[in-house]
Amino acid sequence: MKMKRTKRMIVVSLILALLFMVVMPMTVNAAGSDDRAYVANEGDNTVSVINTVTNTVIATISVGDGPDGIAISPDGSRVYVTNYGDDTVSVINTATNTVVDTITVGDDPWGIAISPNGSRVYVANVSDDTVSVINTATNTEIDTITVGDGPWGIAISPNGSRVYVTNVNDNTVSVINTATNTVIDTITVGSYPYGIAMSPNDSRVYVANFSDDTVSVINTATNTVVDTITVGDGPYYMAISSDSSRVYVANYNDNTVSVINTSTNTVVATITVGDRPIGIAITSDSSKVYVTNGSDDTVSVINTATNTVVATITVGDRPTGIVIGRLSLTFTDSASYDIPSTKVGTAITPINVSGGVSGGRMPYTFSATGLPAGITISSAGVISGTPTTASPAGTATVTVTDVDGRTASITIAYGEITAVKEEVREKDDEQKLGVADYTMYAVTIALISLTGLAVLRIKKKI
């Protein structure tokens, strides 16, 4: 009877658990949830920041005159914006969404790309037929490369060894060797090449030819055009899925996006978007494509599973370039964050670890596990305190959390925490006992003296 009841309870529990799973919503960490889209608004000199989870504008940043091209560093910490109206590049800190530097480049900068290691930025200067090379460590132009006539779009190979530049006035693509910053090849493509994109697998380069409504396909091994694909009217910029299977082309003149199957080099879908689509970018998980519509000040959001527009976001005036990047939070360790050896009861010199954090979004909050007893870390990242217990040398984990919940951790070392030495205590005890001993000695001497006097008196009487 008891066994039957137990079995019945187990069955009921399982049913309730299943019902709970069906009825209650499940929370999952969606891929691409850390993505942010940055939109260059040419008409009002701003950059709109879009949260790609909620598809809302969460910040608007003032930049230079006539922003157009835009790129993001691999770690997501910096966004670079070309301003063709004042021949500069604005550098945005994505943690604070503020411009932290402005770099002077060539005449009418347009396209922009960043090396995979984040050390170099390449800018296509339309009116002086050059590419500026920027050192991101110093935010200065360190080289200028002469290319074709009217450089516009720019892309870089996944290994960073080559840069491809479209030249709109001579219908070519210049190939730059980044080790020498020299042009090593020139490829003839279609009429008025604007946008250019490199496949993540490094095998193909795709070029949007605005005036003849085609996309040229370049084999990177031979630097030759191996196919030409007819797309919509006025192809402008392009984006490629992370698995290199799809190319998305924004067609400026017919308000559509062409979807190309790269295995067959054919258009497999055409999607209607907003008015005058220009820029285009894809999320890190390739689930959504974002398209800037220059004449209606919006961004269309395409679901790549269904090839349909699922959202429309209002941004700034005349949006052009767009880039999507993941805001990664980085915490870099340093020997200066280690806690030196000390003694119980001796306060340590405060150590600020906040300087090792970059990326994510401020404010940051710090916490730690494994610190010696009596040592703590403040929410602002300052380690301080007075050790209360002796312990051997060891390590502790310090974690930073940004405002969106991203975390990063480092391991710091701490030296041995020693107790107050026993010989010191013994000495103190000796000093304390010395007073009593001295008193006893004096009393003893006095007693002996009195005893001696008494003996003398007795002897005299005798």
Protein backbone atom coordinates (compact mmCIF):
# COMPACT_ATOMS: atom_id res chain seq x y z
CA MET A 1 0.00 0.00 0.00
CA LYS A 2 2.81 2.36 0.91
CA MET A 3 4.65 1.52 -2.36
CA LYS A 4 1.52 2.24 -4.44
CA ARG A 5 1.13 5.61 -2.73
CA THR A 6 4.78 6.42 -3.39
CA LYS A 7 4.45 5.51 -7.08
CA ARG A 8 1.29 7.62 -7.33
CA MET A 9 3.09 10.60 -5.77
CA ILE A 10 5.98 10.24 -8.23
CA VAL A 11 3.59 10.15 -11.22
CA VAL A 12 1.69 13.21 -9.95
CA SER A 13 4.99 15.08 -9.38
CA LEU A 14 6.15 14.32 -12.92
CA ILE A 15 2.85 15.51 -14.38
CA LEU A 16 3.01 18.74 -12.38
CA ALA A 17 6.61 19.29 -13.45
CA LEU A 18 5.68 18.82 -17.11
CA LEU A 19 2.73 21.19 -16.77
CA PHE A 20 5.01 23.75 -15.12
CA MET A 21 7.46 23.51 -18.02
CA VAL A 22 4.68 23.97 -20.57
CA VAL A 23 2.89 26.80 -18.82
CA MET A 24 5.81 28.77 -17.44
CA PRO A 25 7.95 30.74 -19.92
CA MET A 26 11.59 29.68 -20.17
CA THR A 27 14.38 32.26 -20.12
CA VAL A 28 17.24 31.63 -22.54
CA ASN A 29 20.36 33.55 -23.36
CA ALA A 30 19.71 34.36 -27.01
CA ALA A 31 22.66 34.43 -29.40
CA GLY A 32 23.58 37.93 -30.46
CA SER A 33 22.02 39.42 -27.32
CA ASP A 34 25.12 41.53 -26.73
CA ASP A 35 25.00 43.10 -30.20
CA ARG A 36 24.71 46.84 -30.74
CA ALA A 37 24.05 48.53 -34.08
CA TYR A 38 25.69 51.89 -34.74
CA VAL A 39 24.18 54.07 -37.48
CA ALA A 40 25.91 57.06 -39.09
CA ASN A 41 23.34 59.81 -39.71
CA GLU A 42 24.73 62.01 -42.48
CA GLY A 43 22.09 64.74 -42.20
CA ASP A 44 22.42 65.63 -38.52
CA ASN A 45 26.03 64.61 -37.77
CA THR A 46 25.14 61.94 -35.26
CA VAL A 47 25.44 58.22 -34.61
CA SER A 48 22.38 56.33 -33.36
CA VAL A 49 23.02 53.36 -31.06
CA ILE A 50 20.48 50.54 -31.35
CA ASN A 51 19.90 47.73 -28.88
CA THR A 52 19.34 44.77 -31.22
CA VAL A 53 17.35 42.85 -28.59
CA THR A 54 14.69 45.52 -28.15
CA ASN A 55 15.25 47.26 -31.52
CA THR A 56 15.24 50.65 -29.86
CA VAL A 57 17.63 53.59 -30.02
CA ILE A 58 19.40 53.77 -26.66
CA ALA A 59 21.82 56.64 -27.36
CA THR A 60 22.60 59.37 -29.88
CA ILE A 61 26.18 60.59 -30.24
CA SER A 62 27.32 63.81 -31.93
CA VAL A 63 30.27 63.27 -34.29
CA GLY A 64 31.94 65.19 -37.13
CA ASP A 65 30.52 66.80 -40.27
CA GLY A 66 28.83 64.39 -42.68
CA PRO A 67 29.33 60.97 -41.06
CA ASP A 68 29.05 58.07 -43.50
CA GLY A 69 31.38 55.09 -43.09
CA ILE A 70 31.45 53.29 -39.77
CA ALA A 71 33.37 50.35 -38.27
CA ILE A 72 33.76 48.72 -34.87
CA SER A 73 36.85 47.25 -33.21
CA PRO A 74 36.97 43.47 -32.72
CA ASP A 75 36.55 43.80 -28.95
CA GLY A 76 33.61 46.17 -29.34
CA SER A 77 35.26 48.92 -27.30
CA ARG A 78 35.65 51.53 -30.07
CA VAL A 79 33.61 52.70 -33.06
CA TYR A 80 35.30 54.68 -35.85
CA VAL A 81 33.23 57.04 -38.03
CA THR A 82 34.36 58.77 -41.23
CA ASN A 83 33.21 62.39 -41.57
CA TYR A 84 33.49 63.38 -45.23
CA GLY A 85 32.52 67.01 -44.54
CA ASP A 86 35.54 67.81 -42.37
CA ASP A 87 38.01 65.07 -43.42
CA THR A 88 38.14 63.41 -40.02
CA VAL A 89 37.44 60.16 -38.22
CA SER A 90 35.56 60.28 -34.91
CA VAL A 91 36.54 57.67 -32.28
CA ILE A 92 33.70 56.60 -29.98
CA ASN A 93 34.16 54.84 -26.64
CA THR A 94 31.29 52.34 -26.61
CA ALA A 95 31.34 52.03 -22.80
CA THR A 96 30.34 55.68 -22.43
CA ASN A 97 28.99 56.41 -25.94
CA THR A 98 31.14 59.51 -26.19
CA VAL A 99 33.69 60.72 -28.74
CA VAL A 100 37.15 60.33 -27.21
CA ASP A 101 39.31 61.36 -30.18
CA THR A 102 39.19 62.93 -33.64
CA ILE A 103 41.71 61.97 -36.33
CA THR A 104 42.48 64.01 -39.44
CA VAL A 105 42.71 61.90 -42.61
CA GLY A 106 42.51 62.46 -46.40
CA ASP A 107 40.05 64.36 -48.57
CA ASP A 108 36.41 63.19 -48.30
CA PRO A 109 36.85 60.00 -46.25
CA TRP A 110 34.14 57.43 -46.94
CA GLY A 111 34.67 53.68 -46.49
CA ILE A 112 36.39 52.32 -43.38
CA ALA A 113 37.59 48.94 -42.10
CA ILE A 114 39.48 47.67 -39.04
CA SER A 115 42.11 44.93 -38.96
CA PRO A 116 41.11 41.69 -37.19
CA ASN A 117 43.57 42.38 -34.36
CA GLY A 118 42.25 45.92 -33.94
CA SER A 119 45.63 47.58 -34.40
CA ARG A 120 44.96 49.37 -37.71
CA VAL A 121 42.11 51.31 -39.31
CA TYR A 122 41.96 51.79 -43.09
CA VAL A 123 40.06 54.76 -44.54
CA ALA A 124 39.17 55.30 -48.21
CA ASN A 125 39.56 58.99 -49.17
CA VAL A 126 37.38 59.53 -52.26
CA SER A 127 38.70 62.86 -53.52
CA ASP A 128 42.46 62.31 -53.23
CA ASP A 129 42.61 58.65 -54.32
CA THR A 130 44.27 57.41 -51.16
CA VAL A 131 43.80 55.11 -48.21
CA SER A 132 44.81 56.41 -44.79
CA VAL A 133 46.30 53.93 -42.32
CA ILE A 134 45.60 54.70 -38.65
CA ASN A 135 47.45 53.27 -35.67
CA THR A 136 44.71 52.64 -33.08
CA ALA A 137 47.18 52.73 -30.18
CA THR A 138 47.93 56.40 -30.86
CA ASN A 139 44.93 57.32 -33.07
CA THR A 140 47.24 58.89 -35.64
CA GLU A 141 47.61 58.48 -39.39
CA ILE A 142 50.85 56.56 -39.93
CA ASP A 143 50.73 55.96 -43.69
CA THR A 144 48.93 56.97 -46.88
CA ILE A 145 48.53 54.56 -49.80
CA THR A 146 47.71 55.69 -53.34
CA VAL A 147 45.02 53.51 -54.95
CA GLY A 148 42.61 53.86 -57.90
CA ASP A 149 40.35 56.74 -58.93
CA GLY A 150 37.70 57.54 -56.35
CA PRO A 151 38.21 54.94 -53.56
CA TRP A 152 34.89 54.26 -51.86
CA GLY A 153 34.23 50.92 -50.19
CA ILE A 154 36.82 49.01 -48.23
CA ALA A 155 37.12 45.49 -46.77
CA ILE A 156 39.87 43.52 -45.08
CA SER A 157 40.70 39.81 -45.17
CA PRO A 158 40.03 37.71 -42.04
CA ASN A 159 43.76 37.30 -41.42
CA GLY A 160 44.43 41.00 -41.93
CA SER A 161 46.98 40.48 -44.71
CA ARG A 162 45.04 42.19 -47.51
CA VAL A 163 42.77 45.20 -47.92
CA TYR A 164 40.37 45.48 -50.89
CA VAL A 165 39.25 48.95 -52.04
CA THR A 166 36.57 49.78 -54.64
CA ASN A 167 37.42 52.68 -56.97
CA VAL A 168 34.18 54.17 -58.30
CA ASN A 169 35.65 56.30 -61.06
CA ASP A 170 37.75 53.64 -62.83
CA ASN A 171 35.66 50.51 -62.08
CA THR A 172 38.42 48.65 -60.28
CA VAL A 173 39.34 47.09 -56.96
CA SER A 174 42.80 47.79 -55.52
CA VAL A 175 44.40 45.01 -53.46
CA ILE A 176 46.74 46.23 -50.69
CA ASN A 177 49.38 44.15 -48.92
CA THR A 178 49.12 45.33 -45.30
CA ALA A 179 52.67 44.22 -44.46
CA THR A 180 54.12 46.73 -46.93
CA ASN A 181 51.13 49.08 -47.41
CA THR A 182 51.48 48.81 -51.16
CA VAL A 183 49.03 47.95 -53.95
CA ILE A 184 49.86 44.47 -55.22
CA ASP A 185 46.99 43.95 -57.66
CA THR A 186 44.18 45.77 -59.47
CA ILE A 187 40.99 43.96 -60.49
CA THR A 188 38.49 45.25 -63.08
CA VAL A 189 34.87 44.88 -61.95
CA GLY A 190 31.46 46.34 -62.94
CA SER A 191 30.33 49.93 -63.40
CA TYR A 192 30.59 52.29 -60.46
CA PRO A 193 31.56 49.83 -57.70
CA TYR A 194 30.38 51.04 -54.29
CA GLY A 195 30.13 48.46 -51.56
CA ILE A 196 32.49 45.57 -50.96
CA ALA A 197 32.39 42.64 -48.56
CA MET A 198 34.76 39.80 -47.74
CA SER A 199 33.49 36.31 -46.97
CA PRO A 200 34.43 35.11 -43.47
CA ASN A 201 36.04 32.03 -45.01
CA ASP A 202 38.44 34.29 -46.96
CA SER A 203 37.66 32.70 -50.33
CA ARG A 204 35.54 35.37 -52.01
CA VAL A 205 35.13 39.14 -52.25
CA TYR A 206 31.77 40.54 -53.37
CA VAL A 207 31.52 43.96 -55.07
CA ALA A 208 28.28 45.91 -55.58
CA ASN A 209 28.29 47.66 -58.98
CA PHE A 210 25.80 50.52 -58.64
CA SER A 211 25.36 51.49 -62.29
CA ASP A 212 24.93 48.07 -63.88
CA ASP A 213 22.91 46.39 -61.11
CA THR A 214 25.32 43.54 -60.56
CA VAL A 215 27.59 41.98 -57.96
CA SER A 216 31.06 40.88 -59.04
CA VAL A 217 32.43 37.76 -57.33
CA ILE A 218 36.23 37.75 -56.89
CA ASN A 219 38.28 34.64 -56.17
CA THR A 220 40.82 35.82 -53.58
CA ALA A 221 43.32 33.10 -54.49
CA THR A 222 43.69 34.47 -58.02
CA ASN A 223 42.26 37.99 -57.63
CA THR A 224 40.04 37.46 -60.65
CA VAL A 225 36.29 37.90 -61.22
CA VAL A 226 34.78 34.42 -61.39
CA ASP A 227 31.09 35.33 -61.57
CA THR A 228 28.69 38.25 -62.02
CA ILE A 229 25.26 38.21 -60.36
CA THR A 230 22.33 40.41 -61.39
CA VAL A 231 20.59 41.96 -58.37
CA GLY A 232 18.20 44.88 -57.78
CA ASP A 233 18.41 48.45 -59.05
CA GLY A 234 21.37 50.40 -57.69
CA PRO A 235 23.19 47.99 -55.37
CA TYR A 236 25.00 49.96 -52.70
CA TYR A 237 26.41 48.16 -49.64
CA MET A 238 26.45 44.48 -48.68
CA ALA A 239 26.69 42.13 -45.69
CA ILE A 240 27.64 38.44 -45.50
CA SER A 241 26.39 35.81 -43.06
CA SER A 242 28.88 34.36 -40.59
CA ASP A 243 28.91 31.00 -42.39
CA SER A 244 29.49 32.71 -45.78
CA SER A 245 26.34 31.10 -47.21
CA ARG A 246 24.35 34.28 -47.86
CA VAL A 247 25.09 37.78 -49.18
CA TYR A 248 22.58 40.58 -48.52
CA VAL A 249 22.62 43.53 -50.96
CA ALA A 250 20.91 46.88 -50.34
CA ASN A 251 19.44 48.15 -53.65
CA TYR A 252 19.17 51.95 -53.44
CA ASN A 253 16.89 52.63 -56.41
CA ASP A 254 14.16 50.03 -55.94
CA ASN A 255 13.99 49.87 -52.12
CA THR A 256 14.84 46.19 -51.85
CA VAL A 257 17.42 43.80 -50.46
CA SER A 258 18.63 40.95 -52.66
CA VAL A 259 19.58 37.69 -50.94
CA ILE A 260 22.29 35.72 -52.74
CA ASN A 261 23.00 32.02 -52.21
CA THR A 262 26.78 31.86 -52.43
CA SER A 263 26.90 28.18 -53.37
CA THR A 264 24.99 28.91 -56.59
CA ASN A 265 25.61 32.66 -56.91
CA THR A 266 21.93 33.26 -57.55
CA VAL A 267 19.37 35.56 -55.94
CA VAL A 268 17.06 33.42 -53.81
CA ALA A 269 14.92 36.18 -52.26
CA THR A 270 14.07 39.86 -52.68
CA ILE A 271 12.86 41.80 -49.64
CA THR A 272 11.14 45.19 -49.72
CA VAL A 273 12.51 47.63 -47.14
CA GLY A 274 12.38 51.40 -46.58
CA ASP A 275 13.05 54.36 -48.87
CA ARG A 276 16.55 54.45 -50.44
CA PRO A 277 18.36 51.62 -48.61
CA ILE A 278 22.10 52.23 -48.34
CA GLY A 279 23.92 50.62 -45.42
CA ILE A 280 23.50 47.03 -44.32
CA ALA A 281 24.85 44.89 -41.47
CA ILE A 282 24.17 41.49 -39.95
CA THR A 283 24.11 40.34 -36.32
CA SER A 284 26.83 38.05 -34.97
CA ASP A 285 24.51 35.03 -35.05
CA SER A 286 23.26 35.96 -38.58
CA SER A 287 19.66 35.92 -37.35
CA LYS A 288 18.88 39.54 -38.28
CA VAL A 289 19.92 42.01 -40.98
CA TYR A 290 19.71 45.77 -40.38
CA VAL A 291 19.27 48.13 -43.35
CA THR A 292 19.55 51.93 -43.25
CA ASN A 293 16.96 53.79 -45.36
CA GLY A 294 18.45 57.16 -46.28
CA SER A 295 15.28 58.95 -47.35
CA ASP A 296 12.87 58.01 -44.56
CA ASP A 297 15.29 58.09 -41.61
CA THR A 298 14.68 54.50 -40.58
CA VAL A 299 16.37 51.15 -40.19
CA SER A 300 14.57 48.03 -41.43
CA VAL A 301 15.14 44.83 -39.45
CA ILE A 302 15.00 41.59 -41.45
CA ASN A 303 14.50 38.14 -39.95
CA THR A 304 16.86 35.96 -42.00
CA ALA A 305 14.90 32.78 -41.26
CA THR A 306 11.82 34.15 -43.04
CA ASN A 307 13.39 36.97 -45.12
CA THR A 308 10.75 39.38 -43.88
CA VAL A 309 10.93 42.81 -42.23
CA VAL A 310 10.04 42.35 -38.57
CA ALA A 311 10.72 45.86 -37.25
CA THR A 312 11.33 49.43 -38.38
CA ILE A 313 13.39 51.76 -36.19
CA THR A 314 13.43 55.55 -36.48
CA VAL A 315 16.97 56.95 -36.28
CA GLY A 316 18.67 60.25 -37.22
CA ASP A 317 18.56 62.31 -40.41
CA ARG A 318 19.69 60.51 -43.60
CA PRO A 319 21.17 57.32 -42.13
CA THR A 320 23.95 55.84 -44.28
CA GLY A 321 26.58 53.49 -42.87
CA ILE A 322 25.79 50.90 -40.24
CA VAL A 323 27.88 48.43 -38.26
CA ILE A 324 26.98 45.81 -35.70
CA GLY A 325 29.35 44.67 -33.00
CA ARG A 326 29.29 42.75 -29.78
CA LEU A 327 30.04 44.69 -26.63
CA SER A 328 32.56 42.43 -24.95
CA LEU A 329 33.74 43.24 -21.44
CA THR A 330 37.49 42.84 -20.92
CA PHE A 331 39.34 42.68 -17.60
CA THR A 332 43.14 42.70 -17.98
CA ASP A 333 45.28 41.49 -15.09
CA SER A 334 48.33 43.36 -13.81
CA ALA A 335 51.04 42.54 -11.29
CA SER A 336 50.22 45.85 -9.61
CA TYR A 337 46.88 44.34 -8.52
CA ASP A 338 48.57 41.66 -6.37
CA ILE A 339 48.52 42.04 -2.59
CA PRO A 340 52.03 41.94 -1.05
CA SER A 341 52.93 39.91 2.04
CA THR A 342 52.03 41.56 5.32
CA LYS A 343 51.27 40.87 8.98
CA VAL A 344 48.09 40.42 10.90
CA GLY A 345 46.93 43.81 12.11
CA THR A 346 48.84 45.79 9.47
CA ALA A 347 46.62 47.60 6.93
CA ILE A 348 47.48 47.13 3.25
CA THR A 349 47.96 50.00 0.82
CA PRO A 350 44.69 50.34 -1.18
CA ILE A 351 44.82 48.81 -4.67
CA ASN A 352 42.51 50.09 -7.47
CA VAL A 353 41.82 47.44 -10.12
CA SER A 354 39.29 49.42 -12.18
CA GLY A 355 41.97 50.52 -14.63
CA GLY A 356 42.10 47.00 -16.06
CA VAL A 357 38.53 47.10 -17.39
CA SER A 358 37.49 48.04 -20.93
CA GLY A 359 34.43 47.49 -23.10
CA GLY A 360 30.93 46.71 -21.91
CA ARG A 361 28.88 49.63 -20.62
CA MET A 362 29.46 51.70 -17.52
CA PRO A 363 28.91 51.82 -14.62
CA TYR A 364 30.94 48.81 -13.51
CA THR A 365 30.53 46.95 -10.20
CA PHE A 366 33.33 44.88 -8.63
CA SER A 367 33.26 41.86 -6.33
CA ALA A 368 35.80 39.28 -5.16
CA THR A 369 36.09 35.80 -3.68
CA GLY A 370 39.01 34.24 -1.85
CA LEU A 371 40.52 37.40 -0.37
CA PRO A 372 42.32 37.03 3.01
CA ALA A 373 40.18 37.64 6.09
CA GLY A 374 39.89 41.35 6.77
CA ILE A 375 40.60 42.35 3.15
CA THR A 376 37.66 43.51 0.99
CA ILE A 377 36.95 45.12 -2.37
CA SER A 378 34.62 48.09 -2.85
CA SER A 379 32.02 48.21 -5.61
CA ALA A 380 34.27 50.77 -7.30
CA GLY A 381 37.16 48.28 -7.47
CA VAL A 382 39.40 49.34 -4.57
CA ILE A 383 40.97 46.53 -2.53
CA SER A 384 41.76 47.53 1.07
CA GLY A 385 41.60 46.45 4.70
CA THR A 386 43.58 44.99 7.59
CA PRO A 387 44.31 41.24 7.72
CA THR A 388 42.82 39.60 10.79
CA THR A 389 44.04 36.03 10.37
CA ALA A 390 47.36 34.50 9.41
CA SER A 391 47.29 32.62 6.10
CA PRO A 392 49.68 31.26 3.48
CA ALA A 393 50.12 32.94 0.09
CA GLY A 394 47.29 32.28 -2.32
CA THR A 395 45.02 33.68 -5.03
CA ALA A 396 41.67 35.43 -5.20
CA THR A 397 39.19 36.02 -8.04
CA VAL A 398 38.07 39.57 -8.82
CA THR A 399 34.99 40.01 -11.01
CA VAL A 400 33.62 43.07 -12.77
CA THR A 401 29.98 43.35 -13.87
CA ASP A 402 28.77 46.06 -16.24
CA VAL A 403 25.37 47.74 -16.26
CA ASP A 404 23.98 45.17 -18.73
CA GLY A 405 25.11 42.19 -16.66
CA ARG A 406 28.22 41.18 -18.62
CA THR A 407 31.01 39.83 -16.43
CA ALA A 408 34.76 39.36 -16.67
CA SER A 409 37.22 38.08 -14.09
CA ILE A 410 40.92 38.07 -13.24
CA THR A 411 42.95 36.11 -10.70
CA ILE A 412 45.17 38.11 -8.37
CA ALA A 413 47.84 36.80 -6.02
CA TYR A 414 48.37 37.70 -2.38
CA GLY A 415 51.44 37.11 -0.25
CA GLU A 416 51.67 35.34 3.09
CA ILE A 417 49.82 36.92 6.00
CA THR A 418 51.96 36.28 9.06
CA ALA A 419 51.04 36.41 12.74
CA VAL A 420 52.95 38.64 15.18
CA LYS A 421 56.19 36.75 15.88
CA GLU A 422 56.38 34.65 19.09
CA GLU A 423 59.77 36.06 20.11
CA VAL A 424 58.27 39.51 20.13
CA ARG A 425 55.52 38.33 22.41
CA GLU A 426 58.06 36.63 24.68
CA LYS A 427 60.08 39.81 24.85
CA ASP A 428 56.97 41.75 25.75
CA ASP A 429 56.18 39.19 28.39
CA GLU A 430 59.71 39.42 29.69
CA GLN A 431 59.41 43.16 29.89
CA LYS A 432 56.12 42.86 31.75
CA LEU A 433 57.50 40.21 34.07
CA GLY A 434 60.70 42.21 34.62
CA VAL A 435 58.87 44.84 36.66
CA ALA A 436 57.42 42.21 38.97
CA ASP A 437 60.77 40.49 39.29
CA TYR A 438 62.46 43.75 40.15
CA THR A 439 59.85 44.47 42.80
CA MET A 440 60.24 41.00 44.27
CA TYR A 441 64.02 41.36 44.24
CA ALA A 442 63.78 44.64 46.14
CA VAL A 443 61.38 43.11 48.67
CA THR A 444 63.70 40.13 49.09
CA ILE A 445 66.71 42.37 49.69
CA ALA A 446 64.73 44.37 52.21
CA LEU A 447 63.67 41.21 54.02
CA ILE A 448 67.23 39.92 54.07
CA SER A 449 68.45 43.23 55.46
CA LEU A 450 65.83 43.21 58.18
CA THR A 451 66.63 39.60 58.97
CA GLY A 452 70.34 40.47 59.24
CA LEU A 453 69.65 43.33 61.63
CA ALA A 454 67.53 41.10 63.79
CA VAL A 455 70.27 38.50 63.95
CA LEU A 456 72.84 41.13 64.97
CA ARG A 457 70.59 42.38 67.77
CA ILE A 458 70.10 38.87 69.06
CA LYS A 459 73.85 38.28 69.05
CA LYS A 460 74.47 41.48 70.98
CA LYS A 461 72.00 40.49 73.65
CA ILE A 462 73.67 37.15 73.98
